[in-house]
C-alpha atoms as a PDB file:
ATOM      1  CA  MET A   1     210.674 142.297   8.413  1.00  0.00           C
ATOM      2  CA  LEU A   2     207.094 141.816   7.289  1.00  0.00           C
ATOM      3  CA  VAL A   3     206.087 138.203   6.778  1.00  0.00           C
ATOM      4  CA  LYS A   4     203.224 138.014   4.294  1.00  0.00           C
ATOM      5  CA  PHE A   5     201.377 134.757   4.785  1.00  0.00           C
ATOM      6  CA  ALA A   6     200.161 134.688   1.182  1.00  0.00           C
ATOM      7  CA  ASP A   7     203.723 134.661  -0.144  1.00  0.00           C
ATOM      8  CA  LEU A   8     204.757 131.742   2.056  1.00  0.00           C
ATOM      9  CA  VAL A   9     201.511 129.872   1.378  1.00  0.00           C
ATOM     10  CA  GLY A  10     202.290 130.081  -2.330  1.00  0.00           C
ATOM     11  CA  ILE A  11     205.685 128.465  -1.732  1.00  0.00           C
ATOM     12  CA  LEU A  12     204.118 125.541   0.126  1.00  0.00           C
ATOM     13  CA  GLU A  13     201.323 125.159  -2.423  1.00  0.00           C
ATOM     14  CA  ARG A  14     203.853 124.841  -5.229  1.00  0.00           C
ATOM     15  CA  ALA A  15     205.604 122.150  -3.172  1.00  0.00           C
ATOM     16  CA  GLY A  16     202.339 120.214  -2.914  1.00  0.00           C
ATOM     17  CA  VAL A  17     201.812 120.750   0.822  1.00  0.00           C
ATOM     18  CA  GLU A  18     198.255 120.378   2.090  1.00  0.00           C
ATOM     19  CA  ARG A  19     196.828 123.004   4.484  1.00  0.00           C
ATOM     20  CA  PRO A  20     199.641 125.458   3.692  1.00  0.00           C
ATOM     21  CA  LEU A  21     198.182 128.427   5.576  1.00  0.00           C
ATOM     22  CA  LYS A  22     197.795 126.492   8.804  1.00  0.00           C
ATOM     23  CA  ASP A  23     201.323 125.121   8.480  1.00  0.00           C
ATOM     24  CA  ILE A  24     202.784 128.576   7.857  1.00  0.00           C
ATOM     25  CA  LYS A  25     201.090 130.041  10.896  1.00  0.00           C
ATOM     26  CA  LEU A  26     202.198 127.149  13.108  1.00  0.00           C
ATOM     27  CA  LEU A  27     205.780 127.599  11.923  1.00  0.00           C
ATOM     28  CA  VAL A  28     205.602 131.334  12.637  1.00  0.00           C
ATOM     29  CA  CYS A  29     204.214 130.597  16.101  1.00  0.00           C
ATOM     30  CA  SER A  30     207.088 128.217  16.829  1.00  0.00           C
ATOM     31  CA  VAL A  31     209.635 130.897  15.979  1.00  0.00           C
ATOM     32  CA  CYS A  32     207.958 133.967  17.450  1.00  0.00           C
ATOM     33  CA  GLY A  33     206.413 132.374  20.526  1.00  0.00           C
ATOM     34  CA  CYS A  34     202.903 133.580  19.760  1.00  0.00           C
ATOM     35  CA  SER A  35     199.743 131.467  19.781  1.00  0.00           C
ATOM     36  CA  TYR A  36     197.861 130.336  16.706  1.00  0.00           C
ATOM     37  CA  GLY A  37     194.916 132.444  17.819  1.00  0.00           C
ATOM     38  CA  ASP A  38     197.095 135.553  17.765  1.00  0.00           C
ATOM     39  CA  LEU A  39     197.458 135.166  13.995  1.00  0.00           C
ATOM     40  CA  LEU A  40     193.841 134.477  13.107  1.00  0.00           C
ATOM     41  CA  GLY A  41     192.588 136.939  10.532  1.00  0.00           C
ATOM     42  CA  LEU A  42     195.985 138.567  10.044  1.00  0.00           C
ATOM     43  CA  PRO A  43     197.436 138.737   6.515  1.00  0.00           C
ATOM     44  CA  SER A  44     200.976 139.308   7.788  1.00  0.00           C
ATOM     45  CA  VAL A  45     203.140 139.685  10.876  1.00  0.00           C
ATOM     46  CA  LEU A  46     206.186 141.790  11.680  1.00  0.00           C
ATOM     47  CA  VAL A  47     209.235 139.796  12.815  1.00  0.00           C
ATOM     48  CA  SER A  48     212.931 140.431  13.353  1.00  0.00           C
ATOM     49  CA  ASP A  49     215.463 139.695  10.602  1.00  0.00           C
ATOM     50  CA  SER A  50     216.787 136.672  12.498  1.00  0.00           C
ATOM     51  CA  ASP A  51     213.289 135.272  13.045  1.00  0.00           C
ATOM     52  CA  PHE A  52     212.515 135.778   9.365  1.00  0.00           C
ATOM     53  CA  MET A  53     215.548 133.676   8.412  1.00  0.00           C
ATOM     54  CA  ARG A  54     214.481 130.970  10.845  1.00  0.00           C
ATOM     55  CA  ILE A  55     210.949 130.949   9.433  1.00  0.00           C
ATOM     56  CA  LYS A  56     212.337 130.771   5.908  1.00  0.00           C
ATOM     57  CA  GLY A  57     214.478 127.772   6.866  1.00  0.00           C
ATOM     58  CA  LEU A  58     211.500 125.960   8.393  1.00  0.00           C
ATOM     59  CA  VAL A  59     209.412 126.625   5.287  1.00  0.00           C
ATOM     60  CA  GLN A  60     212.161 125.130   3.143  1.00  0.00           C
ATOM     61  CA  ARG A  61     212.154 122.014   5.312  1.00  0.00           C
ATOM     62  CA  ARG A  62     208.369 121.727   4.965  1.00  0.00           C
ATOM     63  CA  CYS A  63     208.732 122.002   1.179  1.00  0.00           C
ATOM     64  CA  THR A  64     210.792 118.797   1.196  1.00  0.00           C
ATOM     65  CA  GLY A  65     207.848 116.942   2.715  1.00  0.00           C
ATOM     66  CA  GLU A  66     209.236 116.858   6.236  1.00  0.00           C
ATOM     67  CA  PRO A  67     206.123 116.690   8.431  1.00  0.00           C
ATOM     68  CA  LEU A  68     205.241 119.506  10.750  1.00  0.00           C
ATOM     69  CA  THR A  69     205.542 117.150  13.716  1.00  0.00           C
ATOM     70  CA  LYS A  70     209.200 116.512  12.945  1.00  0.00           C
ATOM     71  CA  ILE A  71     209.932 120.198  12.345  1.00  0.00           C
ATOM     72  CA  LEU A  72     208.185 121.343  15.514  1.00  0.00           C
ATOM     73  CA  GLY A  73     209.284 118.298  17.515  1.00  0.00           C
ATOM     74  CA  ALA A  74     205.828 117.499  18.885  1.00  0.00           C
ATOM     75  CA  ALA A  75     202.556 115.800  17.944  1.00  0.00           C
ATOM     76  CA  SER A  76     199.091 115.538  19.461  1.00  0.00           C
ATOM     77  CA  PHE A  77     197.768 112.164  20.596  1.00  0.00           C
ATOM     78  CA  TRP A  78     194.852 111.370  22.916  1.00  0.00           C
ATOM     79  CA  GLU A  79     194.513 115.062  23.824  1.00  0.00           C
ATOM     80  CA  HIS A  80     198.132 115.211  24.959  1.00  0.00           C
ATOM     81  CA  ARG A  81     201.228 116.757  23.448  1.00  0.00           C
ATOM     82  CA  PHE A  82     204.044 114.292  22.818  1.00  0.00           C
ATOM     83  CA  LEU A  83     207.578 115.257  21.932  1.00  0.00           C
ATOM     84  CA  THR A  84     208.922 113.541  18.822  1.00  0.00           C
ATOM     85  CA  ASN A  85     212.217 113.223  16.989  1.00  0.00           C
ATOM     86  CA  HIS A  86     213.562 111.494  13.894  1.00  0.00           C
ATOM     87  CA  SER A  87     213.989 108.264  15.891  1.00  0.00           C
ATOM     88  CA  THR A  88     210.297 107.997  16.775  1.00  0.00           C
ATOM     89  CA  LEU A  89     207.266 107.043  14.742  1.00  0.00           C
ATOM     90  CA  ASP A  90     204.903 109.993  14.679  1.00  0.00           C
ATOM     91  CA  PRO A  91     201.792 109.324  16.791  1.00  0.00           C
ATOM     92  CA  ARG A  92     198.834 108.947  14.441  1.00  0.00           C
ATOM     93  CA  PRO A  93     195.081 109.257  15.023  1.00  0.00           C
ATOM     94  CA  GLU A  94     194.342 105.682  13.936  1.00  0.00           C
ATOM     95  CA  SER A  95     196.535 104.361  16.754  1.00  0.00           C
ATOM     96  CA  GLU A  96     194.215 106.020  19.276  1.00  0.00           C
ATOM     97  CA  ILE A  97     191.878 103.097  18.568  1.00  0.00           C
ATOM     98  CA  ILE A  98     194.227 100.978  20.688  1.00  0.00           C
ATOM     99  CA  VAL A  99     193.654 103.234  23.691  1.00  0.00           C
ATOM    100  CA  GLU A 100     189.901 103.382  23.022  1.00  0.00           C
ATOM    101  CA  THR A 101     189.725  99.583  22.877  1.00  0.00           C
ATOM    102  CA  VAL A 102     191.704  99.167  26.095  1.00  0.00           C
ATOM    103  CA  LEU A 103     189.225 101.481  27.835  1.00  0.00           C
ATOM    104  CA  ARG A 104     186.329  99.428  26.527  1.00  0.00           C
ATOM    105  CA  TYR A 105     187.789  96.143  27.793  1.00  0.00           C
ATOM    106  CA  PHE A 106     188.801  97.641  31.139  1.00  0.00           C
ATOM    107  CA  PRO A 107     186.042 100.172  31.920  1.00  0.00           C
ATOM    108  CA  HIS A 108     186.931 100.668  35.589  1.00  0.00           C
ATOM    109  CA  ARG A 109     189.626 103.348  35.656  1.00  0.00           C
ATOM    110  CA  SER A 110     190.523 102.519  39.276  1.00  0.00           C
ATOM    111  CA  GLN A 111     191.788  99.081  38.257  1.00  0.00           C
ATOM    112  CA  THR A 112     195.364  98.130  38.996  1.00  0.00           C
ATOM    113  CA  LEU A 113     196.877  96.935  35.724  1.00  0.00           C
ATOM    114  CA  SER A 114     200.378  96.343  34.480  1.00  0.00           C
ATOM    115  CA  PHE A 115     201.112  97.437  30.902  1.00  0.00           C
ATOM    116  CA  LEU A 116     203.847  96.385  28.513  1.00  0.00           C
ATOM    117  CA  ASP A 117     204.434  98.549  25.432  1.00  0.00           C
ATOM    118  CA  LEU A 118     206.536  96.955  22.681  1.00  0.00           C
ATOM    119  CA  GLY A 119     208.365  99.448  20.461  1.00  0.00           C
ATOM    120  CA  THR A 120     207.245 102.316  22.669  1.00  0.00           C
ATOM    121  CA  GLY A 121     208.655 105.155  20.512  1.00  0.00           C
ATOM    122  CA  THR A 122     207.311 108.389  21.978  1.00  0.00           C
ATOM    123  CA  GLY A 123     205.540 106.366  24.660  1.00  0.00           C
ATOM    124  CA  CYS A 124     202.188 107.684  23.442  1.00  0.00           C
ATOM    125  CA  LEU A 125     200.306 104.383  23.817  1.00  0.00           C
ATOM    126  CA  LEU A 126     201.670 103.470  27.231  1.00  0.00           C
ATOM    127  CA  LEU A 127     201.474 106.973  28.676  1.00  0.00           C
ATOM    128  CA  SER A 128     197.960 107.597  27.347  1.00  0.00           C
ATOM    129  CA  CYS A 129     196.789 104.405  29.047  1.00  0.00           C
ATOM    130  CA  LEU A 130     198.577 105.183  32.307  1.00  0.00           C
ATOM    131  CA  TYR A 131     197.011 108.642  32.263  1.00  0.00           C
ATOM    132  CA  GLU A 132     193.574 106.989  32.195  1.00  0.00           C
ATOM    133  CA  TYR A 133     194.402 104.333  34.817  1.00  0.00           C
ATOM    134  CA  ALA A 134     195.770 106.234  37.780  1.00  0.00           C
ATOM    135  CA  TYR A 135     196.643 103.123  39.825  1.00  0.00           C
ATOM    136  CA  SER A 136     198.456 101.234  37.088  1.00  0.00           C
ATOM    137  CA  ASN A 137     202.069 101.042  35.972  1.00  0.00           C
ATOM    138  CA  GLY A 138     203.854 100.086  32.809  1.00  0.00           C
ATOM    139  CA  LEU A 139     207.056  99.213  31.028  1.00  0.00           C
ATOM    140  CA  GLY A 140     207.980 100.469  27.565  1.00  0.00           C
ATOM    141  CA  ILE A 141     210.820  98.982  25.547  1.00  0.00           C
ATOM    142  CA  ASP A 142     212.396 100.244  22.340  1.00  0.00           C
ATOM    143  CA  LYS A 143     215.680  99.422  20.657  1.00  0.00           C
ATOM    144  CA  SER A 144     216.291 103.105  19.869  1.00  0.00           C
ATOM    145  CA  GLU A 145     218.078 104.949  22.657  1.00  0.00           C
ATOM    146  CA  LYS A 146     216.969 108.307  21.245  1.00  0.00           C
ATOM    147  CA  ALA A 147     213.362 107.153  21.191  1.00  0.00           C
ATOM    148  CA  VAL A 148     213.551 106.063  24.820  1.00  0.00           C
ATOM    149  CA  GLN A 149     214.974 109.442  25.792  1.00  0.00           C
ATOM    150  CA  ILE A 150     211.920 111.089  24.221  1.00  0.00           C
ATOM    151  CA  ALA A 151     209.554 108.647  25.945  1.00  0.00           C
ATOM    152  CA  VAL A 152     211.123 109.456  29.311  1.00  0.00           C
ATOM    153  CA  LYS A 153     210.698 113.184  28.704  1.00  0.00           C
ATOM    154  CA  ASN A 154     207.063 112.666  27.702  1.00  0.00           C
ATOM    155  CA  ALA A 155     206.450 110.655  30.867  1.00  0.00           C
ATOM    156  CA  GLU A 156     207.969 113.472  32.884  1.00  0.00           C
ATOM    157  CA  ASP A 157     205.863 116.113  31.126  1.00  0.00           C
ATOM    158  CA  LEU A 158     202.680 114.143  31.866  1.00  0.00           C
ATOM    159  CA  GLY A 159     203.634 113.535  35.488  1.00  0.00           C
ATOM    160  CA  LEU A 160     203.873 109.777  34.918  1.00  0.00           C
ATOM    161  CA  LEU A 161     207.560 109.068  35.445  1.00  0.00           C
ATOM    162  CA  GLU A 162     206.920 107.311  38.758  1.00  0.00           C
ATOM    163  CA  ARG A 163     204.616 104.780  37.083  1.00  0.00           C
ATOM    164  CA  ALA A 164     206.239 104.458  33.666  1.00  0.00           C
ATOM    165  CA  HIS A 165     209.559 102.670  33.165  1.00  0.00           C
ATOM    166  CA  PHE A 166     211.524 102.353  29.938  1.00  0.00           C
ATOM    167  CA  PHE A 167     214.332 100.161  28.646  1.00  0.00           C
ATOM    168  CA  VAL A 168     216.502 100.367  25.545  1.00  0.00           C
ATOM    169  CA  GLN A 169     216.016  96.851  24.272  1.00  0.00           C
ATOM    170  CA  ASP A 170     214.938  94.840  21.241  1.00  0.00           C
ATOM    171  CA  TRP A 171     211.654  93.050  21.816  1.00  0.00           C
ATOM    172  CA  ASN A 172     213.254  89.833  20.533  1.00  0.00           C
ATOM    173  CA  ASP A 173     215.247  89.809  23.780  1.00  0.00           C
ATOM    174  CA  SER A 174     213.696  88.637  27.022  1.00  0.00           C
ATOM    175  CA  ILE A 175     211.607  91.143  28.934  1.00  0.00           C
ATOM    176  CA  PRO A 176     213.653  92.775  31.727  1.00  0.00           C
ATOM    177  CA  SER A 177     213.512  91.043  35.079  1.00  0.00           C
ATOM    178  CA  CYS A 178     212.279  92.802  38.157  1.00  0.00           C
ATOM    179  CA  GLN A 179     215.814  92.989  39.488  1.00  0.00           C
ATOM    180  CA  ASN A 180     216.883  94.834  36.335  1.00  0.00           C
ATOM    181  CA  ILE A 181     214.060  97.313  36.825  1.00  0.00           C
ATOM    182  CA  ILE A 182     214.980  97.781  40.491  1.00  0.00           C
ATOM    183  CA  ASP A 183     218.589  98.329  39.405  1.00  0.00           C
ATOM    184  CA  ALA A 184     217.268 101.000  37.045  1.00  0.00           C
ATOM    185  CA  SER A 185     216.209 103.048  40.003  1.00  0.00           C
ATOM    186  CA  ILE A 186     219.796 103.810  40.976  1.00  0.00           C
ATOM    187  CA  CYS A 187     220.935 104.784  37.482  1.00  0.00           C
ATOM    188  CA  SER A 188     221.827 108.375  36.849  1.00  0.00           C
ATOM    189  CA  ALA A 189     220.367 110.375  33.984  1.00  0.00           C
ATOM    190  CA  GLY A 190     223.776 110.273  32.335  1.00  0.00           C
ATOM    191  CA  ALA A 191     223.536 106.515  31.957  1.00  0.00           C
ATOM    192  CA  VAL A 192     220.789 106.898  29.378  1.00  0.00           C
ATOM    193  CA  LEU A 193     222.886 109.323  27.377  1.00  0.00           C
ATOM    194  CA  GLY A 194     225.886 107.028  27.161  1.00  0.00           C
ATOM    195  CA  ALA A 195     226.757 104.405  24.588  1.00  0.00           C
ATOM    196  CA  VAL A 196     224.420 101.428  24.344  1.00  0.00           C
ATOM    197  CA  SER A 197     226.266  98.224  25.076  1.00  0.00           C
ATOM    198  CA  ALA A 198     223.409  96.490  26.917  1.00  0.00           C
ATOM    199  CA  PRO A 199     219.759  97.168  27.760  1.00  0.00           C
ATOM    200  CA  ILE A 200     219.833 100.619  29.350  1.00  0.00           C
ATOM    201  CA  PRO A 201     217.275 101.463  32.020  1.00  0.00           C
ATOM    202  CA  VAL A 202     215.992 104.966  32.529  1.00  0.00           C
ATOM    203  CA  PRO A 203     216.318 106.663  35.895  1.00  0.00           C
ATOM    204  CA  VAL A 204     213.322 106.370  38.200  1.00  0.00           C
ATOM    205  CA  GLN A 205     212.886 106.598  41.932  1.00  0.00           C
ATOM    206  CA  PRO A 206     213.586 103.354  43.817  1.00  0.00           C
ATOM    207  CA  SER A 207     210.315 103.563  45.727  1.00  0.00           C
ATOM    208  CA  ALA A 208     208.362 103.870  42.495  1.00  0.00           C
ATOM    209  CA  CYS A 209     210.107 100.836  41.000  1.00  0.00           C
ATOM    210  CA  ILE A 210     209.568  98.636  43.997  1.00  0.00           C
ATOM    211  CA  GLN A 211     205.985  99.809  44.394  1.00  0.00           C
ATOM    212  CA  SER A 212     205.148  98.966  40.787  1.00  0.00           C
ATOM    213  CA  LEU A 213     206.699  95.531  41.074  1.00  0.00           C
ATOM    214  CA  SER A 214     204.734  94.744  44.215  1.00  0.00           C
ATOM    215  CA  LEU A 215     201.429  95.134  42.391  1.00  0.00           C
ATOM    216  CA  HIS A 216     199.584  91.847  41.993  1.00  0.00           C
ATOM    217  CA  SER A 217     199.450  92.102  38.225  1.00  0.00           C
ATOM    218  CA  ALA A 218     203.167  92.388  37.519  1.00  0.00           C
ATOM    219  CA  ARG A 219     204.254  88.995  38.693  1.00  0.00           C
ATOM    220  CA  GLU A 220     207.845  87.813  38.825  1.00  0.00           C
ATOM    221  CA  LEU A 221     208.394  84.268  37.625  1.00  0.00           C
ATOM    222  CA  PRO A 222     211.152  82.029  38.968  1.00  0.00           C
ATOM    223  CA  ALA A 223     213.295  83.005  35.987  1.00  0.00           C
ATOM    224  CA  GLY A 224     212.809  86.655  36.871  1.00  0.00           C
ATOM    225  CA  THR A 225     210.629  87.604  33.925  1.00  0.00           C
ATOM    226  CA  LEU A 226     207.697  89.928  34.502  1.00  0.00           C
ATOM    227  CA  LYS A 227     204.237  89.130  33.213  1.00  0.00           C
ATOM    228  CA  PHE A 228     201.657  91.759  32.319  1.00  0.00           C
ATOM    229  CA  ASP A 229     197.900  92.228  32.174  1.00  0.00           C
ATOM    230  CA  VAL A 230     197.898  94.387  29.054  1.00  0.00           C
ATOM    231  CA  VAL A 231     200.316  94.446  26.120  1.00  0.00           C
ATOM    232  CA  LEU A 232     200.283  97.274  23.581  1.00  0.00           C
ATOM    233  CA  CYS A 233     202.013  97.275  20.231  1.00  0.00           C
ATOM    234  CA  ASN A 234     202.008  99.208  16.975  1.00  0.00           C
ATOM    235  CA  PRO A 235     204.649  97.209  15.102  1.00  0.00           C
ATOM    236  CA  PRO A 236     206.303  97.918  11.749  1.00  0.00           C
ATOM    237  CA  TYR A 237     204.052  96.294   9.148  1.00  0.00           C
ATOM    238  CA  ILE A 238     204.694  97.997   5.795  1.00  0.00           C
ATOM    239  CA  GLN A 239     206.102  95.950   2.931  1.00  0.00           C
ATOM    240  CA  PRO A 240     209.174  97.259   1.083  1.00  0.00           C
ATOM    241  CA  GLY A 241     208.171  98.973  -2.134  1.00  0.00           C
ATOM    242  CA  ALA A 242     204.819 100.164  -0.810  1.00  0.00           C
ATOM    243  CA  THR A 243     203.736 103.607  -1.979  1.00  0.00           C
ATOM    244  CA  LEU A 244     204.131 106.039   0.909  1.00  0.00           C
ATOM    245  CA  SER A 245     203.654 109.770   1.304  1.00  0.00           C
ATOM    246  CA  ARG A 246     206.699 111.999   1.598  1.00  0.00           C
ATOM    247  CA  GLU A 247     205.791 112.734   5.195  1.00  0.00           C
ATOM    248  CA  VAL A 248     205.792 109.067   6.227  1.00  0.00           C
ATOM    249  CA  LEU A 249     209.283 108.571   4.807  1.00  0.00           C
ATOM    250  CA  PHE A 250     210.647 110.889   7.491  1.00  0.00           C
ATOM    251  CA  ASP A 251     209.751 108.283  10.124  1.00  0.00           C
ATOM    252  CA  PRO A 252     212.523 105.806  11.043  1.00  0.00           C
ATOM    253  CA  PRO A 253     212.524 102.854   8.598  1.00  0.00           C
ATOM    254  CA  GLU A 254     212.761 100.329  11.429  1.00  0.00           C
ATOM    255  CA  ALA A 255     209.429 101.612  12.739  1.00  0.00           C
ATOM    256  CA  LEU A 256     207.764 101.289   9.330  1.00  0.00           C
ATOM    257  CA  PHE A 257     208.912  98.210   7.458  1.00  0.00           C
ATOM    258  CA  GLY A 258     208.043  94.701   8.611  1.00  0.00           C
ATOM    259  CA  GLY A 259     210.276  92.520   6.470  1.00  0.00           C
ATOM    260  CA  GLU A 260     209.686  91.195   2.974  1.00  0.00           C
ATOM    261  CA  ASP A 261     205.998  90.454   3.555  1.00  0.00           C
ATOM    262  CA  GLY A 262     205.326  93.063   6.245  1.00  0.00           C
ATOM    263  CA  LEU A 263     204.634  90.319   8.807  1.00  0.00           C
ATOM    264  CA  GLN A 264     208.017  89.668  10.421  1.00  0.00           C
ATOM    265  CA  ALA A 265     207.285  91.798  13.481  1.00  0.00           C
ATOM    266  CA  TYR A 266     204.121  89.779  14.127  1.00  0.00           C
ATOM    267  CA  ARG A 267     206.097  86.526  13.975  1.00  0.00           C
ATOM    268  CA  ASP A 268     208.589  87.923  16.461  1.00  0.00           C
ATOM    269  CA  ILE A 269     205.858  89.193  18.778  1.00  0.00           C
ATOM    270  CA  PHE A 270     203.942  85.916  18.794  1.00  0.00           C
ATOM    271  CA  ALA A 271     207.149  84.011  19.504  1.00  0.00           C
ATOM    272  CA  MET A 272     207.828  85.908  22.726  1.00  0.00           C
ATOM    273  CA  ILE A 273     204.675  87.552  23.971  1.00  0.00           C
ATOM    274  CA  PRO A 274     202.792  84.565  25.490  1.00  0.00           C
ATOM    275  CA  ASN A 275     205.597  84.241  28.055  1.00  0.00           C
ATOM    276  CA  SER A 276     205.087  87.865  29.078  1.00  0.00           C
ATOM    277  CA  MET A 277     201.320  87.692  29.666  1.00  0.00           C
ATOM    278  CA  VAL A 278     199.417  86.525  32.730  1.00  0.00           C
ATOM    279  CA  SER A 279     196.509  84.146  32.198  1.00  0.00           C
ATOM    280  CA  GLY A 280     193.629  86.136  30.728  1.00  0.00           C
ATOM    281  CA  ALA A 281     195.887  89.019  29.656  1.00  0.00           C
ATOM    282  CA  LEU A 282     195.094  90.935  26.478  1.00  0.00           C
ATOM    283  CA  LEU A 283     197.345  92.045  23.634  1.00  0.00           C
ATOM    284  CA  PHE A 284     196.135  95.080  21.658  1.00  0.00           C
ATOM    285  CA  LEU A 285     197.933  94.873  18.332  1.00  0.00           C
ATOM    286  CA  GLU A 286     197.730  97.320  15.447  1.00  0.00           C
ATOM    287  CA  ILE A 287     197.625  95.741  11.989  1.00  0.00           C
ATOM    288  CA  GLY A 288     198.096  97.096   8.491  1.00  0.00           C
ATOM    289  CA  ILE A 289     195.565  97.312   5.686  1.00  0.00           C
ATOM    290  CA  GLY A 290     194.674  93.862   4.373  1.00  0.00           C
ATOM    291  CA  GLN A 291     196.761  92.014   6.980  1.00  0.00           C
ATOM    292  CA  SER A 292     194.085  90.688   9.330  1.00  0.00           C
ATOM    293  CA  SER A 293     193.805  87.250   7.720  1.00  0.00           C
ATOM    294  CA  ASP A 294     197.565  86.765   7.518  1.00  0.00           C
ATOM    295  CA  VAL A 295     198.110  87.837  11.116  1.00  0.00           C
ATOM    296  CA  LEU A 296     195.324  85.529  12.305  1.00  0.00           C
ATOM    297  CA  HIS A 297     197.146  82.580  10.757  1.00  0.00           C
ATOM    298  CA  LEU A 298     200.295  83.472  12.704  1.00  0.00           C
ATOM    299  CA  ILE A 299     198.659  83.360  16.146  1.00  0.00           C
ATOM    300  CA  PRO A 300     200.172  80.492  18.167  1.00  0.00           C
ATOM    301  CA  GLU A 301     198.511  78.039  20.515  1.00  0.00           C
ATOM    302  CA  GLY A 302     197.687  79.365  23.947  1.00  0.00           C
ATOM    303  CA  VAL A 303     196.431  82.713  22.694  1.00  0.00           C
ATOM    304  CA  SER A 304     193.458  83.554  20.520  1.00  0.00           C
ATOM    305  CA  CYS A 305     191.931  86.537  18.746  1.00  0.00           C
ATOM    306  CA  VAL A 306     188.762  87.724  20.451  1.00  0.00           C
ATOM    307  CA  GLU A 307     188.029  90.789  18.315  1.00  0.00           C
ATOM    308  CA  ILE A 308     189.214  92.795  15.328  1.00  0.00           C
ATOM    309  CA  VAL A 309     188.380  96.488  15.629  1.00  0.00           C
ATOM    310  CA  ASN A 310     187.816  98.657  12.550  1.00  0.00           C
ATOM    311  CA  ASP A 311     188.966 102.244  12.261  1.00  0.00           C
ATOM    312  CA  LEU A 312     186.672 105.104  11.256  1.00  0.00           C
ATOM    313  CA  GLN A 313     187.106 104.161   7.580  1.00  0.00           C
ATOM    314  CA  GLY A 314     185.964 100.602   8.222  1.00  0.00           C
ATOM    315  CA  ILE A 315     189.474  99.185   7.884  1.00  0.00           C
ATOM    316  CA  PRO A 316     190.488  96.419  10.341  1.00  0.00           C
ATOM    317  CA  ARG A 317     193.036  98.209  12.512  1.00  0.00           C
ATOM    318  CA  VAL A 318     193.415  96.621  15.963  1.00  0.00           C
ATOM    319  CA  MET A 319     193.471  92.943  16.860  1.00  0.00           C
ATOM    320  CA  VAL A 320     192.622  91.966  20.429  1.00  0.00           C
ATOM    321  CA  ILE A 321     194.366  88.751  21.454  1.00  0.00           C
ATOM    322  CA  LYS A 322     193.765  86.930  24.740  1.00  0.00           C
ATOM    323  CA  LYS A 323     195.946  84.457  26.576  1.00  0.00           C
ATOM    324  CA  ALA A 324     194.114  81.409  27.858  1.00  0.00           C
END
C-alpha cells in the first residue's frame, strides 16, 4: 500500500501533535526498518499491507498524546540512545545539565569516582557519567523492577555493565552493603525477572563487583554501607493538580509527583543521603520550577548548597550540595 505522508500528517495535526511530519516519518522508519534520511524529500512510501496496519496503529497511539519515546521504546540523552518503557521517566534535555555540572566539578576524566544514582530509571544519568569517566563505577537504585531491567539493558548496550550495578530498592531503605553487591555477582538473569520480595540485584561478573568495591572511593563502613563520591538524582517534584502536557502523563506517576507540596522526595533524600556520602562528596540534585528556596530550607546540617545551576531558559534546575 502507498503511505501518503500528507494524509497521516493531517491526522496528527488534528490531534494537536507538534512536528507531525517528523513523527510520521520516524514511525514509518520504526516499522519498515529504513533510516530517516531515506525518507527525506519523499511525499509517500510503498509498504506492505501488514506494515500499513502497524503504522496506522502507531499513528493512533500518537494521536492520544503518547510520546514518540514511549511508542518507539527509546530516547536520546547525552548523545546516546537509551531504551525506555512505561515504568521509566523519559530522559529529558534539561536533565543533561546534571551531567554537564558533574563534568565541570570533576574535569579530569581519568579520575576514579564512585557514583550513586537515586531513582535511576533508564540509568541515563549514571551511565552518561560512567561513559565520561572510564575508571569509575556506580550503583543505581530504583523501586521499579521493570525500570531496573531497562537500566541493565542500557548499561549492556553502552558496554558499561562491568562498572554499573543496579538494585531494585526504594531509596528510603538503606543503601546496599558491599556484601549484597558481591552476592549480586552470582545471581542469574532470571532472578531479575522474578517476583520482587526483597531488593533484587542485577547479574554482573564477580570480578567486576569486587574490583569496583576495592576502589578507594567506595568505602565500606563497619555497618556495611557504601559511601560515594558523587550522588545523582532527578526526583519526583511535581505537585498534584499541576498542569501537565499529555505526553508527560504517560510517564509513571511515582516518577513525577512529589507529595502534596512536591517536596517529599527531597525530605526523604536529605534524611538518608548524608550517610551515603564520603567527606567532600557532592550531590547533584534536579529541582522543579520555583522550588529552589524551599529545597534550600530542607538541607540538613552537615551538608550545604554550593551552587544552583540554571538551565538554558534561566530557570534554577540543578542544586549542587556538598558534604562537609
